[in-house]
Amino acid sequence: MAVATRDDFFRAVTDELSARSTELIALAGFMRVVTKPLIDAFPMRILNIHPALLPSFKGLHAQRQAIEAGVKVSGCTVHFVDEGMDTGPIIVQAPVPVSSDDNEETLSEKILRSEHVIYPYAIRLFADGKLQVNNGIVSIKPEGGESNVEF
Protein backbone atom coordinates (compact mmCIF):
# COMPACT_ATOMS: atom_id res chain seq x y z
CA MET A 1 0.00 0.00 0.00
CA ALA A 2 1.75 3.15 -1.22
CA VAL A 3 0.82 6.29 0.69
CA ALA A 4 2.14 9.82 0.47
CA THR A 5 1.62 11.17 3.99
CA ARG A 6 1.09 10.04 7.56
CA ASP A 7 -2.60 10.97 7.32
CA ASP A 8 -2.90 8.99 4.07
CA PHE A 9 -1.28 5.99 5.76
CA PHE A 10 -3.69 6.00 8.70
CA ARG A 11 -6.66 6.64 6.43
CA ALA A 12 -5.70 3.59 4.35
CA VAL A 13 -5.19 1.49 7.50
CA THR A 14 -8.55 2.63 8.88
CA ASP A 15 -10.31 1.79 5.62
CA GLU A 16 -8.69 -1.64 5.39
CA LEU A 17 -9.38 -2.62 9.00
CA SER A 18 -12.96 -1.33 8.80
CA ALA A 19 -13.57 -3.32 5.62
CA ARG A 20 -12.44 -6.46 7.45
CA SER A 21 -14.79 -5.86 10.42
CA THR A 22 -11.83 -5.73 12.79
CA GLU A 23 -12.85 -6.02 16.42
CA LEU A 24 -9.50 -5.34 18.12
CA ILE A 25 -6.18 -3.82 17.13
CA ALA A 26 -3.22 -4.94 19.25
CA LEU A 27 -0.11 -2.82 18.72
CA ALA A 28 3.35 -4.11 19.61
CA GLY A 29 6.47 -2.32 18.50
CA PHE A 30 4.39 0.15 16.50
CA MET A 31 6.50 3.27 16.83
CA ARG A 32 4.00 5.82 15.51
CA VAL A 33 1.41 7.90 17.30
CA VAL A 34 -1.96 6.69 16.05
CA THR A 35 -4.10 9.40 14.46
CA LYS A 36 -7.58 10.51 15.44
CA PRO A 37 -9.44 8.94 12.47
CA LEU A 38 -8.21 5.45 13.41
CA ILE A 39 -8.94 6.03 17.10
CA ASP A 40 -12.41 7.35 16.27
CA ALA A 41 -13.12 4.34 14.04
CA PHE A 42 -12.04 1.89 16.77
CA PRO A 43 -12.81 3.56 20.12
CA MET A 44 -11.50 1.56 23.07
CA ARG A 45 -10.59 -1.18 20.61
CA ILE A 46 -6.90 -0.38 20.13
CA LEU A 47 -4.45 -1.81 22.67
CA ASN A 48 -0.79 -1.00 23.13
CA ILE A 49 1.90 -2.48 25.33
CA HIS A 50 4.51 -0.19 26.85
CA PRO A 51 7.71 -1.25 28.68
CA ALA A 52 7.14 0.86 31.81
CA LEU A 53 4.60 1.35 34.54
CA LEU A 54 2.64 4.20 33.03
CA PRO A 55 2.20 7.06 33.59
CA SER A 56 5.96 6.99 34.25
CA PHE A 57 8.48 6.88 31.40
CA LYS A 58 6.28 7.50 28.38
CA GLY A 59 7.59 7.37 24.84
CA LEU A 60 10.85 5.93 23.60
CA HIS A 61 13.62 4.39 25.69
CA ALA A 62 11.43 3.74 28.73
CA GLN A 63 13.90 1.23 30.16
CA ARG A 64 16.76 3.72 29.86
CA GLN A 65 14.59 6.36 31.53
CA ALA A 66 13.88 3.95 34.40
CA ILE A 67 17.58 3.12 34.88
CA GLU A 68 18.54 6.82 34.77
CA ALA A 69 15.83 7.70 37.30
CA GLY A 70 17.13 5.05 39.70
CA VAL A 71 13.75 3.38 40.22
CA LYS A 72 13.69 0.12 42.12
CA VAL A 73 10.63 -1.20 40.28
CA SER A 74 9.72 -0.78 36.64
CA GLY A 75 7.44 -2.99 34.58
CA CYS A 76 5.04 -2.98 31.69
CA THR A 77 1.58 -1.66 30.93
CA VAL A 78 -1.18 -2.63 28.53
CA HIS A 79 -3.43 0.33 27.80
CA PHE A 80 -6.09 1.51 25.41
CA VAL A 81 -4.77 3.92 22.79
CA ASP A 82 -6.00 7.49 22.81
CA GLU A 83 -4.70 10.58 21.01
CA GLY A 84 -1.77 11.10 23.38
CA MET A 85 1.47 9.18 23.60
CA ASP A 86 1.08 6.35 26.11
CA THR A 87 -1.75 8.19 27.87
CA GLY A 88 -4.77 5.94 27.32
CA PRO A 89 -6.70 4.11 30.04
CA ILE A 90 -4.56 1.47 31.75
CA ILE A 91 -5.85 -2.10 31.48
CA VAL A 92 -3.20 -4.11 33.32
CA GLN A 93 0.33 -3.66 34.62
CA ALA A 94 3.07 -5.99 35.82
CA PRO A 95 5.90 -4.85 38.08
CA VAL A 96 9.48 -5.89 37.39
CA PRO A 97 12.23 -5.36 39.98
CA VAL A 98 15.20 -3.26 38.89
CA SER A 99 18.51 -4.59 40.21
CA SER A 100 21.49 -2.36 40.89
CA ASP A 101 23.41 -4.23 38.18
CA ASP A 102 20.66 -3.90 35.54
CA ASN A 103 21.33 -1.93 32.41
CA GLU A 104 18.95 -0.99 29.61
CA GLU A 105 19.41 -4.36 27.90
CA THR A 106 18.95 -6.58 30.96
CA LEU A 107 15.95 -4.59 32.18
CA SER A 108 14.43 -4.78 28.68
CA GLU A 109 14.79 -8.57 28.73
CA LYS A 110 13.10 -8.85 32.14
CA ILE A 111 10.25 -6.56 31.11
CA LEU A 112 9.76 -8.43 27.82
CA ARG A 113 9.13 -11.67 29.74
CA SER A 114 6.34 -9.93 31.67
CA GLU A 115 4.94 -8.39 28.49
CA HIS A 116 4.54 -11.89 27.06
CA VAL A 117 2.31 -12.73 30.03
CA ILE A 118 0.16 -9.63 30.40
CA TYR A 119 -0.54 -8.83 26.73
CA PRO A 120 -2.33 -12.13 26.00
CA TYR A 121 -4.12 -11.73 29.34
CA ALA A 122 -5.36 -8.24 28.40
CA ILE A 123 -6.45 -9.44 24.96
CA ARG A 124 -8.38 -12.31 26.58
CA LEU A 125 -10.09 -9.86 28.96
CA PHE A 126 -11.13 -7.76 25.96
CA ALA A 127 -12.30 -10.79 23.97
CA ASP A 128 -14.33 -12.04 26.93
CA GLY A 129 -16.02 -8.64 27.34
CA LYS A 130 -14.59 -8.16 30.82
CA LEU A 131 -13.19 -4.64 30.37
CA GLN A 132 -15.26 -1.64 31.33
CA VAL A 133 -14.05 1.96 30.99
CA ASN A 134 -15.62 4.74 33.05
CA ASN A 135 -14.12 8.23 33.15
CA GLY A 136 -10.80 6.95 31.81
CA ILE A 137 -10.49 4.18 34.42
CA VAL A 138 -10.59 0.52 33.36
CA SER A 139 -12.37 -2.00 35.55
CA ILE A 140 -12.20 -5.75 35.09
CA LYS A 141 -15.59 -7.38 35.53
CA PRO A 142 -15.17 -10.31 37.90
CA GLU A 143 -16.79 -13.66 37.30
CA GLY A 144 -18.76 -14.70 40.36
CA GLY A 145 -16.75 -12.54 42.75
CA GLU A 146 -13.59 -10.54 43.00
CA SER A 147 -10.63 -11.75 41.01
CA ASN A 148 -7.11 -11.37 42.27
CA VAL A 149 -4.60 -11.70 39.48
CA GLU A 150 -0.89 -11.48 40.19
CA PHE A 151 1.97 -11.54 37.73
C-alpha atoms as a PDB file:
ATOM      1  CA  MET A   1       0.000   0.000   0.000  1.00  0.00           C
ATOM      2  CA  ALA A   2       1.752   3.150  -1.216  1.00  0.00           C
ATOM      3  CA  VAL A   3       0.820   6.288   0.692  1.00  0.00           C
ATOM      4  CA  ALA A   4       2.141   9.821   0.472  1.00  0.00           C
ATOM      5  CA  THR A   5       1.619  11.167   3.990  1.00  0.00           C
ATOM      6  CA  ARG A   6       1.089  10.036   7.565  1.00  0.00           C
ATOM      7  CA  ASP A   7      -2.597  10.965   7.320  1.00  0.00           C
ATOM      8  CA  ASP A   8      -2.898   8.991   4.068  1.00  0.00           C
ATOM      9  CA  PHE A   9      -1.282   5.988   5.758  1.00  0.00           C
ATOM     10  CA  PHE A  10      -3.686   5.998   8.695  1.00  0.00           C
ATOM     11  CA  ARG A  11      -6.661   6.644   6.426  1.00  0.00           C
ATOM     12  CA  ALA A  12      -5.698   3.592   4.349  1.00  0.00           C
ATOM     13  CA  VAL A  13      -5.190   1.485   7.498  1.00  0.00           C
ATOM     14  CA  THR A  14      -8.547   2.629   8.883  1.00  0.00           C
ATOM     15  CA  ASP A  15     -10.315   1.793   5.622  1.00  0.00           C
ATOM     16  CA  GLU A  16      -8.686  -1.640   5.394  1.00  0.00           C
ATOM     17  CA  LEU A  17      -9.377  -2.616   8.998  1.00  0.00           C
ATOM     18  CA  SER A  18     -12.956  -1.330   8.805  1.00  0.00           C
ATOM     19  CA  ALA A  19     -13.574  -3.324   5.619  1.00  0.00           C
ATOM     20  CA  ARG A  20     -12.440  -6.461   7.454  1.00  0.00           C
ATOM     21  CA  SER A  21     -14.794  -5.863  10.420  1.00  0.00           C
ATOM     22  CA  THR A  22     -11.832  -5.725  12.788  1.00  0.00           C
ATOM     23  CA  GLU A  23     -12.851  -6.015  16.425  1.00  0.00           C
ATOM     24  CA  LEU A  24      -9.505  -5.337  18.118  1.00  0.00           C
ATOM     25  CA  ILE A  25      -6.178  -3.816  17.131  1.00  0.00           C
ATOM     26  CA  ALA A  26      -3.219  -4.941  19.252  1.00  0.00           C
ATOM     27  CA  LEU A  27      -0.113  -2.824  18.719  1.00  0.00           C
ATOM     28  CA  ALA A  28       3.346  -4.106  19.610  1.00  0.00           C
ATOM     29  CA  GLY A  29       6.473  -2.319  18.498  1.00  0.00           C
ATOM     30  CA  PHE A  30       4.394   0.150  16.496  1.00  0.00           C
ATOM     31  CA  MET A  31       6.499   3.275  16.829  1.00  0.00           C
ATOM     32  CA  ARG A  32       4.005   5.820  15.514  1.00  0.00           C
ATOM     33  CA  VAL A  33       1.414   7.903  17.300  1.00  0.00           C
ATOM     34  CA  VAL A  34      -1.964   6.685  16.048  1.00  0.00           C
ATOM     35  CA  THR A  35      -4.103   9.402  14.462  1.00  0.00           C
ATOM     36  CA  LYS A  36      -7.582  10.511  15.441  1.00  0.00           C
ATOM     37  CA  PRO A  37      -9.438   8.942  12.468  1.00  0.00           C
ATOM     38  CA  LEU A  38      -8.208   5.452  13.412  1.00  0.00           C
ATOM     39  CA  ILE A  39      -8.936   6.032  17.104  1.00  0.00           C
ATOM     40  CA  ASP A  40     -12.410   7.346  16.269  1.00  0.00           C
ATOM     41  CA  ALA A  41     -13.116   4.336  14.035  1.00  0.00           C
ATOM     42  CA  PHE A  42     -12.041   1.890  16.775  1.00  0.00           C
ATOM     43  CA  PRO A  43     -12.815   3.565  20.117  1.00  0.00           C
ATOM     44  CA  MET A  44     -11.504   1.564  23.070  1.00  0.00           C
ATOM     45  CA  ARG A  45     -10.586  -1.183  20.612  1.00  0.00           C
ATOM     46  CA  ILE A  46      -6.897  -0.383  20.126  1.00  0.00           C
ATOM     47  CA  LEU A  47      -4.449  -1.812  22.668  1.00  0.00           C
ATOM     48  CA  ASN A  48      -0.791  -0.997  23.129  1.00  0.00           C
ATOM     49  CA  ILE A  49       1.903  -2.483  25.325  1.00  0.00           C
ATOM     50  CA  HIS A  50       4.515  -0.190  26.845  1.00  0.00           C
ATOM     51  CA  PRO A  51       7.705  -1.250  28.680  1.00  0.00           C
ATOM     52  CA  ALA A  52       7.145   0.862  31.805  1.00  0.00           C
ATOM     53  CA  LEU A  53       4.602   1.354  34.542  1.00  0.00           C
ATOM     54  CA  LEU A  54       2.643   4.204  33.029  1.00  0.00           C
ATOM     55  CA  PRO A  55       2.197   7.058  33.591  1.00  0.00           C
ATOM     56  CA  SER A  56       5.964   6.987  34.250  1.00  0.00           C
ATOM     57  CA  PHE A  57       8.480   6.883  31.402  1.00  0.00           C
ATOM     58  CA  LYS A  58       6.276   7.497  28.375  1.00  0.00           C
ATOM     59  CA  GLY A  59       7.591   7.368  24.844  1.00  0.00           C
ATOM     60  CA  LEU A  60      10.851   5.929  23.597  1.00  0.00           C
ATOM     61  CA  HIS A  61      13.615   4.387  25.692  1.00  0.00           C
ATOM     62  CA  ALA A  62      11.428   3.742  28.726  1.00  0.00           C
ATOM     63  CA  GLN A  63      13.902   1.231  30.163  1.00  0.00           C
ATOM     64  CA  ARG A  64      16.758   3.718  29.859  1.00  0.00           C
ATOM     65  CA  GLN A  65      14.590   6.361  31.527  1.00  0.00           C
ATOM     66  CA  ALA A  66      13.885   3.954  34.403  1.00  0.00           C
ATOM     67  CA  ILE A  67      17.583   3.124  34.884  1.00  0.00           C
ATOM     68  CA  GLU A  68      18.543   6.817  34.772  1.00  0.00           C
ATOM     69  CA  ALA A  69      15.828   7.695  37.303  1.00  0.00           C
ATOM     70  CA  GLY A  70      17.129   5.052  39.700  1.00  0.00           C
ATOM     71  CA  VAL A  71      13.754   3.381  40.216  1.00  0.00           C
ATOM     72  CA  LYS A  72      13.694   0.116  42.124  1.00  0.00           C
ATOM     73  CA  VAL A  73      10.629  -1.199  40.285  1.00  0.00           C
ATOM     74  CA  SER A  74       9.719  -0.785  36.636  1.00  0.00           C
ATOM     75  CA  GLY A  75       7.443  -2.992  34.581  1.00  0.00           C
ATOM     76  CA  CYS A  76       5.039  -2.976  31.692  1.00  0.00           C
ATOM     77  CA  THR A  77       1.578  -1.656  30.928  1.00  0.00           C
ATOM     78  CA  VAL A  78      -1.182  -2.633  28.525  1.00  0.00           C
ATOM     79  CA  HIS A  79      -3.426   0.331  27.798  1.00  0.00           C
ATOM     80  CA  PHE A  80      -6.085   1.510  25.414  1.00  0.00           C
ATOM     81  CA  VAL A  81      -4.768   3.922  22.792  1.00  0.00           C
ATOM     82  CA  ASP A  82      -5.996   7.494  22.810  1.00  0.00           C
ATOM     83  CA  GLU A  83      -4.696  10.583  21.007  1.00  0.00           C
ATOM     84  CA  GLY A  84      -1.771  11.099  23.382  1.00  0.00           C
ATOM     85  CA  MET A  85       1.474   9.182  23.604  1.00  0.00           C
ATOM     86  CA  ASP A  86       1.078   6.346  26.113  1.00  0.00           C
ATOM     87  CA  THR A  87      -1.752   8.187  27.873  1.00  0.00           C
ATOM     88  CA  GLY A  88      -4.774   5.936  27.321  1.00  0.00           C
ATOM     89  CA  PRO A  89      -6.701   4.114  30.036  1.00  0.00           C
ATOM     90  CA  ILE A  90      -4.565   1.470  31.745  1.00  0.00           C
ATOM     91  CA  ILE A  91      -5.852  -2.097  31.484  1.00  0.00           C
ATOM     92  CA  VAL A  92      -3.203  -4.115  33.315  1.00  0.00           C
ATOM     93  CA  GLN A  93       0.328  -3.662  34.618  1.00  0.00           C
ATOM     94  CA  ALA A  94       3.068  -5.986  35.816  1.00  0.00           C
ATOM     95  CA  PRO A  95       5.901  -4.854  38.084  1.00  0.00           C
ATOM     96  CA  VAL A  96       9.484  -5.893  37.388  1.00  0.00           C
ATOM     97  CA  PRO A  97      12.232  -5.356  39.979  1.00  0.00           C
ATOM     98  CA  VAL A  98      15.197  -3.256  38.887  1.00  0.00           C
ATOM     99  CA  SER A  99      18.509  -4.588  40.211  1.00  0.00           C
ATOM    100  CA  SER A 100      21.487  -2.362  40.890  1.00  0.00           C
ATOM    101  CA  ASP A 101      23.409  -4.227  38.180  1.00  0.00           C
ATOM    102  CA  ASP A 102      20.659  -3.898  35.543  1.00  0.00           C
ATOM    103  CA  ASN A 103      21.329  -1.932  32.405  1.00  0.00           C
ATOM    104  CA  GLU A 104      18.945  -0.993  29.609  1.00  0.00           C
ATOM    105  CA  GLU A 105      19.410  -4.361  27.900  1.00  0.00           C
ATOM    106  CA  THR A 106      18.950  -6.577  30.964  1.00  0.00           C
ATOM    107  CA  LEU A 107      15.954  -4.594  32.175  1.00  0.00           C
ATOM    108  CA  SER A 108      14.426  -4.777  28.683  1.00  0.00           C
ATOM    109  CA  GLU A 109      14.785  -8.571  28.733  1.00  0.00           C
ATOM    110  CA  LYS A 110      13.097  -8.854  32.139  1.00  0.00           C
ATOM    111  CA  ILE A 111      10.254  -6.560  31.110  1.00  0.00           C
ATOM    112  CA  LEU A 112       9.756  -8.434  27.822  1.00  0.00           C
ATOM    113  CA  ARG A 113       9.130 -11.666  29.743  1.00  0.00           C
ATOM    114  CA  SER A 114       6.336  -9.928  31.672  1.00  0.00           C
ATOM    115  CA  GLU A 115       4.944  -8.388  28.490  1.00  0.00           C
ATOM    116  CA  HIS A 116       4.537 -11.892  27.061  1.00  0.00           C
ATOM    117  CA  VAL A 117       2.314 -12.731  30.032  1.00  0.00           C
ATOM    118  CA  ILE A 118       0.156  -9.635  30.397  1.00  0.00           C
ATOM    119  CA  TYR A 119      -0.539  -8.833  26.735  1.00  0.00           C
ATOM    120  CA  PRO A 120      -2.326 -12.126  26.003  1.00  0.00           C
ATOM    121  CA  TYR A 121      -4.122 -11.735  29.344  1.00  0.00           C
ATOM    122  CA  ALA A 122      -5.363  -8.243  28.402  1.00  0.00           C
ATOM    123  CA  ILE A 123      -6.450  -9.442  24.962  1.00  0.00           C
ATOM    124  CA  ARG A 124      -8.382 -12.308  26.576  1.00  0.00           C
ATOM    125  CA  LEU A 125     -10.092  -9.858  28.964  1.00  0.00           C
ATOM    126  CA  PHE A 126     -11.125  -7.765  25.962  1.00  0.00           C
ATOM    127  CA  ALA A 127     -12.304 -10.786  23.967  1.00  0.00           C
ATOM    128  CA  ASP A 128     -14.329 -12.036  26.930  1.00  0.00           C
ATOM    129  CA  GLY A 129     -16.019  -8.639  27.336  1.00  0.00           C
ATOM    130  CA  LYS A 130     -14.593  -8.155  30.824  1.00  0.00           C
ATOM    131  CA  LEU A 131     -13.189  -4.645  30.369  1.00  0.00           C
ATOM    132  CA  GLN A 132     -15.263  -1.644  31.331  1.00  0.00           C
ATOM    133  CA  VAL A 133     -14.054   1.961  30.988  1.00  0.00           C
ATOM    134  CA  ASN A 134     -15.617   4.737  33.048  1.00  0.00           C
ATOM    135  CA  ASN A 135     -14.120   8.233  33.153  1.00  0.00           C
ATOM    136  CA  GLY A 136     -10.802   6.951  31.811  1.00  0.00           C
ATOM    137  CA  ILE A 137     -10.493   4.179  34.417  1.00  0.00           C
ATOM    138  CA  VAL A 138     -10.586   0.525  33.357  1.00  0.00           C
ATOM    139  CA  SER A 139     -12.365  -2.005  35.554  1.00  0.00           C
ATOM    140  CA  ILE A 140     -12.205  -5.752  35.088  1.00  0.00           C
ATOM    141  CA  LYS A 141     -15.591  -7.375  35.527  1.00  0.00           C
ATOM    142  CA  PRO A 142     -15.170 -10.307  37.901  1.00  0.00           C
ATOM    143  CA  GLU A 143     -16.794 -13.660  37.303  1.00  0.00           C
ATOM    144  CA  GLY A 144     -18.761 -14.696  40.362  1.00  0.00           C
ATOM    145  CA  GLY A 145     -16.754 -12.537  42.753  1.00  0.00           C
ATOM    146  CA  GLU A 146     -13.588 -10.541  43.004  1.00  0.00           C
ATOM    147  CA  SER A 147     -10.635 -11.748  41.009  1.00  0.00           C
ATOM    148  CA  ASN A 148      -7.105 -11.372  42.274  1.00  0.00           C
ATOM    149  CA  VAL A 149      -4.599 -11.699  39.482  1.00  0.00           C
ATOM    150  CA  GLU A 150      -0.895 -11.476  40.192  1.00  0.00           C
ATOM    151  CA  PHE A 151       1.970 -11.538  37.728  1.00  0.00           C
END
